[in-house]
Every structure is written in structure tokens, then in C-alpha cells.
Amino acid sequence: LKKVDDYNSNYSAPLVEDKNTYSIVMVGDSMTHALGPRGGTFNKFINDLYKPKGKFISIDNYAEGSTNILSIGKQMTTKTTYWDSTFEPLLSRDFDLILIESFGYNPLSQFSTRAEGLKKQTEALDDAIKTIRLSHPHSRIVFVATISPNKDIYAKKITRNATAAERISQAEERIDYIKNHIAYGVNHNIPVVNIFAKSLDKNGDGDVSLINPTDDIHPSFKGVDFIGHEIANFIYENSILPK
């Protein structure tokens, strides 16, 4: 039998049973919440891929705005109400795949140093992965790294009193948390949908067209579609859920 301590070593993905209907659940912050309670266009994109194979994908999005990685336990253990949808506690349900987004847009700035906050992020991921692997040993885990902020415009529309240097620092802090999430996945053999890398422009900054112009933070309509396409294609091309 696997020891509890082994659950934070390299991830060995279980084989998902080949069936006609698969269930996906999502956790994250407002960047994932933006996709909608049933995944929005992500739901359409992934079902367009799997439908010719005679498969249907159901999606429940537990992501919540203004939450950081320390909230992941709450997202997994409490009932979630999202517009007109109510989801039972995530861990009380059966699911085939859980998508864990970085919560990077809500960094742990309350800690005295960025290094300490990143350490707390890693520890929270340790706890979450162990919990999921113990409670749902037959469910797959995939990390999602969302779109990059753009340092030049980050939160410009809603933080008019912040200096350019302050906004750049805020964007860089969020990038550090997203990159730490990616590194955790790579180091633990957890598949990562690296939307972050694909969202960079030719200058290595966040593609402005993917960012909502009303707040310069969240995904635009194009950004939401981009996120949905990237996740759907990754799942399908890597056979995360059997075709």
C-alpha cells in the first residue's frame, strides 16, 4: 500500500475508465470563475472534440473570485452556489478529472516576503494533492496556468493612483505565483496546461487582446475562448480522458 508521505512524491496518473460520460471539476480564482459555472465555451470546445467519439463531458466550475490558494480546501469541501447553479461539496462527488488553476492573481501578499508566500503556496498544493489522491484515487489531476498579466497595463483602469512601478511589481508578483504553480506541476509529474506561456506576446509580456479592457486584469471574451480552447485541446490531444 502507498504510504501517506508518498502522495507528495511524483504523481502517477490513474487510468480513467473508458465510458460515455466524463465529469470535470474546476477550482481556481476569478480567472477561472470567468469561464462560467459549466465552463462556458470550454464546455462547447471539449464536447465538440469528444462528441464524434460518442463521449459527453460535464463540467462544474467551483472557482471563486478574490480567493487565493489557501482557499482551495474550502472550495473542495463546501457547497458552491454560482448564479443559478448549486454544486455539492466537490470532494463528496465522483469526478474523472480535476483542473487546478494557480490562484496566481490572488498572491499571498500578507506574508512578510514573496519567498515565504511562495513557500505557503507550495505547502497548500502539497495538502490539496494529498487530499485528492487519498479521497479520489481514480481521478486525474491536471494543473492550469492561466493567461499572463501585461506589466504595462496591469490593473491600470482600476488602480489610477498606483504608479507604473507599483503596477509592474503587482504583475510580477502574480507571474511568480503562476510560474511556481507550473514548476510544482513539472516537478511532481502533474500535467500542466501552460496557457501562461502561450499568452505571451513577441516581447514576452501578456497579450493585451486576451485581457479585459474594462479592468486590465481579467480575461476578455477572446481570452475566455483562448483559455477554453487551450484546456480542451490539451485534454483531448493528451488523452487525459479516454477517447
Protein backbone atom coordinates (compact mmCIF):
# COMPACT_ATOMS: atom_id res chain seq x y z
CA LEU A 1 0.00 0.00 0.00
CA LYS A 2 1.12 3.54 -0.74
CA LYS A 3 2.25 5.48 2.32
CA VAL A 4 0.63 8.85 3.00
CA ASP A 5 4.02 10.58 2.66
CA ASP A 6 4.31 9.21 -0.88
CA TYR A 7 1.36 11.32 -2.04
CA ASN A 8 3.63 14.34 -2.38
CA SER A 9 6.21 12.49 -4.47
CA ASN A 10 5.91 12.21 -8.25
CA TYR A 11 2.35 11.91 -9.45
CA SER A 12 1.38 8.67 -11.13
CA ALA A 13 -1.78 9.31 -13.09
CA PRO A 14 -4.52 6.68 -12.68
CA LEU A 15 -6.25 5.22 -15.69
CA VAL A 16 -9.68 6.76 -16.16
CA GLU A 17 -12.35 4.24 -17.09
CA ASP A 18 -13.39 4.48 -20.74
CA LYS A 19 -17.07 5.44 -20.66
CA ASN A 20 -19.68 7.54 -22.45
CA THR A 21 -19.85 10.42 -19.95
CA TYR A 22 -16.96 12.08 -18.11
CA SER A 23 -17.09 14.59 -15.28
CA ILE A 24 -14.67 17.50 -14.90
CA VAL A 25 -14.49 19.83 -11.89
CA MET A 26 -12.50 23.07 -11.75
CA VAL A 27 -11.03 25.10 -8.89
CA GLY A 28 -9.31 28.48 -9.04
CA ASP A 29 -9.81 32.21 -8.62
CA SER A 30 -11.67 34.79 -10.71
CA MET A 31 -9.60 33.99 -13.81
CA THR A 32 -11.24 30.54 -13.85
CA HIS A 33 -14.57 31.77 -12.46
CA ALA A 34 -14.78 33.89 -15.64
CA LEU A 35 -15.40 30.74 -17.69
CA GLY A 36 -18.86 30.32 -16.15
CA PRO A 37 -20.49 27.70 -13.90
CA ARG A 38 -20.47 24.96 -16.56
CA GLY A 39 -17.25 26.03 -18.26
CA GLY A 40 -18.88 28.25 -20.90
CA THR A 41 -17.17 27.96 -24.26
CA PHE A 42 -14.66 25.48 -22.79
CA ASN A 43 -17.63 23.15 -22.38
CA LYS A 44 -18.55 23.62 -26.04
CA PHE A 45 -14.98 23.20 -27.30
CA ILE A 46 -14.28 19.98 -25.42
CA ASN A 47 -17.64 18.43 -26.28
CA ASP A 48 -17.10 19.30 -29.95
CA LEU A 49 -13.88 17.25 -29.75
CA TYR A 50 -15.31 14.26 -27.88
CA LYS A 51 -18.79 14.09 -29.42
CA PRO A 52 -17.59 12.34 -32.62
CA LYS A 53 -16.15 9.66 -30.31
CA GLY A 54 -19.58 9.17 -28.71
CA LYS A 55 -18.50 10.86 -25.48
CA PHE A 56 -20.08 13.63 -23.39
CA ILE A 57 -18.21 15.85 -20.92
CA SER A 58 -19.95 17.53 -17.97
CA ILE A 59 -18.17 20.44 -16.27
CA ASP A 60 -18.75 22.06 -12.87
CA ASN A 61 -16.70 25.15 -12.11
CA TYR A 62 -16.07 25.68 -8.37
CA ALA A 63 -13.69 28.62 -8.90
CA GLU A 64 -14.42 31.74 -6.87
CA GLY A 65 -13.26 35.32 -7.28
CA SER A 66 -10.98 37.00 -4.72
CA THR A 67 -9.73 33.68 -3.37
CA ASN A 68 -6.13 32.55 -3.01
CA ILE A 69 -4.54 29.11 -2.90
CA LEU A 70 -5.19 28.88 0.85
CA SER A 71 -8.91 28.73 -0.05
CA ILE A 72 -8.60 25.57 -2.12
CA GLY A 73 -9.63 23.37 0.80
CA LYS A 74 -12.82 25.40 1.24
CA GLN A 75 -13.61 25.20 -2.47
CA MET A 76 -13.31 21.42 -2.30
CA THR A 77 -15.31 20.85 0.89
CA THR A 78 -18.23 23.31 0.84
CA LYS A 79 -21.36 23.64 -1.25
CA THR A 80 -20.91 26.19 -4.04
CA THR A 81 -23.60 28.49 -5.40
CA TYR A 82 -22.77 30.08 -8.70
CA TRP A 83 -25.51 32.26 -10.27
CA ASP A 84 -28.41 29.80 -10.70
CA SER A 85 -26.23 26.70 -10.16
CA THR A 86 -25.56 24.95 -6.85
CA PHE A 87 -22.83 22.30 -6.60
CA GLU A 88 -22.45 19.82 -3.77
CA PRO A 89 -19.06 19.80 -2.00
CA LEU A 90 -16.50 18.77 -4.60
CA LEU A 91 -14.86 16.04 -2.54
CA SER A 92 -18.25 14.45 -1.80
CA ARG A 93 -18.70 13.73 -5.50
CA ASP A 94 -17.28 11.38 -8.07
CA PHE A 95 -15.34 13.05 -10.88
CA ASP A 96 -12.91 11.88 -13.54
CA LEU A 97 -10.70 14.97 -13.74
CA ILE A 98 -9.97 17.95 -11.53
CA LEU A 99 -8.41 21.06 -13.07
CA ILE A 100 -6.45 23.08 -10.51
CA GLU A 101 -5.69 26.65 -11.58
CA SER A 102 -2.88 28.61 -9.95
CA PHE A 103 -4.89 31.21 -7.98
CA GLY A 104 -1.95 33.35 -9.10
CA TYR A 105 -3.95 36.56 -9.47
CA ASN A 106 -4.55 36.50 -5.71
CA PRO A 107 -0.99 36.12 -4.36
CA LEU A 108 -0.23 35.63 -0.68
CA SER A 109 0.94 39.20 -0.19
CA GLN A 110 0.09 39.07 3.52
CA PHE A 111 3.35 37.25 4.25
CA SER A 112 6.48 39.26 5.02
CA THR A 113 8.40 38.19 1.92
CA ARG A 114 7.46 36.88 -1.50
CA ALA A 115 9.59 33.80 -0.86
CA GLU A 116 7.53 32.98 2.22
CA GLY A 117 4.29 33.40 0.28
CA LEU A 118 5.51 31.11 -2.49
CA LYS A 119 6.51 28.55 0.12
CA LYS A 120 2.97 28.70 1.55
CA GLN A 121 1.59 28.21 -1.98
CA THR A 122 3.69 25.08 -2.38
CA GLU A 123 2.59 23.75 1.01
CA ALA A 124 -1.08 24.37 0.14
CA LEU A 125 -0.62 22.45 -3.11
CA ASP A 126 1.02 19.60 -1.15
CA ASP A 127 -2.05 19.38 1.09
CA ALA A 128 -4.53 19.62 -1.78
CA ILE A 129 -2.83 16.98 -3.93
CA LYS A 130 -2.55 14.60 -1.00
CA THR A 131 -6.24 15.09 -0.16
CA ILE A 132 -7.38 14.47 -3.74
CA ARG A 133 -5.16 11.44 -4.22
CA LEU A 134 -6.36 9.86 -0.97
CA SER A 135 -10.06 10.63 -1.46
CA HIS A 136 -10.27 10.16 -5.25
CA PRO A 137 -7.50 7.73 -6.25
CA HIS A 138 -9.12 7.03 -9.62
CA SER A 139 -9.50 10.69 -10.64
CA ARG A 140 -6.93 12.52 -12.73
CA ILE A 141 -5.30 15.81 -11.71
CA VAL A 142 -4.24 18.47 -14.21
CA PHE A 143 -2.84 21.92 -13.44
CA VAL A 144 -3.88 25.01 -15.38
CA ALA A 145 -1.67 28.11 -15.67
CA THR A 146 -3.87 30.99 -16.79
CA ILE A 147 -3.05 33.90 -19.11
CA SER A 148 -0.24 36.26 -18.20
CA PRO A 149 -0.89 39.79 -16.97
CA ASN A 150 0.54 42.60 -19.07
CA LYS A 151 3.02 44.61 -16.99
CA ASP A 152 2.44 47.86 -18.87
CA ILE A 153 -1.31 47.97 -18.29
CA TYR A 154 -1.92 45.66 -15.31
CA ALA A 155 -4.95 46.97 -13.33
CA LYS A 156 -4.46 50.42 -14.87
CA LYS A 157 -8.19 51.08 -15.22
CA ILE A 158 -8.97 50.33 -11.56
CA THR A 159 -5.83 51.49 -9.73
CA ARG A 160 -5.48 55.00 -11.14
CA ASN A 161 -3.46 56.18 -8.15
CA ALA A 162 -0.83 53.46 -8.45
CA THR A 163 2.45 54.32 -10.13
CA ALA A 164 3.70 52.40 -13.15
CA ALA A 165 6.40 50.82 -10.97
CA GLU A 166 3.79 49.65 -8.43
CA ARG A 167 1.62 48.10 -11.12
CA ILE A 168 4.62 46.35 -12.68
CA SER A 169 5.55 44.96 -9.27
CA GLN A 170 1.98 43.68 -8.79
CA ALA A 171 2.03 41.99 -12.19
CA GLU A 172 5.42 40.42 -11.49
CA GLU A 173 4.18 39.05 -8.17
CA ARG A 174 1.28 37.34 -9.92
CA ILE A 175 3.61 35.96 -12.57
CA ASP A 176 5.82 34.49 -9.84
CA TYR A 177 2.85 32.60 -8.38
CA ILE A 178 1.76 31.30 -11.78
CA LYS A 179 5.32 30.16 -12.52
CA ASN A 180 5.59 28.48 -9.11
CA HIS A 181 2.37 26.59 -9.90
CA ILE A 182 3.83 25.46 -13.23
CA ALA A 183 7.09 24.40 -11.55
CA TYR A 184 5.21 22.39 -8.94
CA GLY A 185 3.38 20.51 -11.67
CA VAL A 186 6.56 19.83 -13.63
CA ASN A 187 8.49 18.76 -10.51
CA HIS A 188 5.73 16.38 -9.39
CA ASN A 189 4.91 14.94 -12.83
CA ILE A 190 1.46 16.58 -12.86
CA PRO A 191 0.34 17.57 -16.39
CA VAL A 192 0.20 21.36 -16.86
CA VAL A 193 -1.94 23.25 -19.37
CA ASN A 194 0.55 26.07 -19.81
CA ILE A 195 -1.76 28.78 -21.13
CA PHE A 196 0.54 31.33 -19.50
CA ALA A 197 3.39 30.62 -21.93
CA LYS A 198 1.08 30.68 -24.95
CA SER A 199 -0.46 34.00 -23.89
CA LEU A 200 2.82 35.95 -24.15
CA ASP A 201 3.33 38.44 -26.96
CA LYS A 202 6.52 38.87 -29.02
CA ASN A 203 8.00 40.97 -26.21
CA GLY A 204 7.37 38.30 -23.58
CA ASP A 205 4.54 40.23 -21.94
CA GLY A 206 0.86 39.31 -21.65
CA ASP A 207 -1.08 39.59 -24.93
CA VAL A 208 -3.31 42.66 -24.45
CA SER A 209 -6.04 41.24 -26.70
CA LEU A 210 -6.65 38.45 -24.16
CA ILE A 211 -7.16 40.93 -21.30
CA ASN A 212 -10.45 42.66 -20.44
CA PRO A 213 -10.08 46.38 -21.26
CA THR A 214 -12.54 47.37 -18.54
CA ASP A 215 -10.17 46.38 -15.72
CA ASP A 216 -6.89 45.36 -17.43
CA ILE A 217 -6.84 42.18 -15.31
CA HIS A 218 -9.37 39.52 -16.19
CA PRO A 219 -9.71 37.69 -19.50
CA SER A 220 -11.52 39.40 -22.35
CA PHE A 221 -14.12 37.46 -24.34
CA LYS A 222 -11.25 36.44 -26.62
CA GLY A 223 -9.23 35.49 -23.54
CA VAL A 224 -12.01 33.29 -22.17
CA ASP A 225 -12.25 31.50 -25.52
CA PHE A 226 -8.45 31.17 -25.66
CA ILE A 227 -8.36 29.58 -22.19
CA GLY A 228 -11.20 27.21 -23.09
CA HIS A 229 -9.58 26.15 -26.37
CA GLU A 230 -6.20 25.50 -24.74
CA ILE A 231 -7.66 23.36 -21.93
CA ALA A 232 -9.94 21.41 -24.29
CA ASN A 233 -7.16 20.72 -26.80
CA PHE A 234 -4.72 19.66 -24.06
CA ILE A 235 -7.17 17.16 -22.58
CA TYR A 236 -8.07 15.74 -25.97
CA GLU A 237 -4.59 15.62 -27.52
CA ASN A 238 -3.06 14.04 -24.42
CA SER A 239 -5.98 11.60 -23.93
CA ILE A 240 -6.39 12.76 -20.35
CA LEU A 241 -9.91 11.39 -20.72
CA PRO A 242 -10.04 8.31 -22.99
CA LYS A 243 -11.38 8.98 -26.48
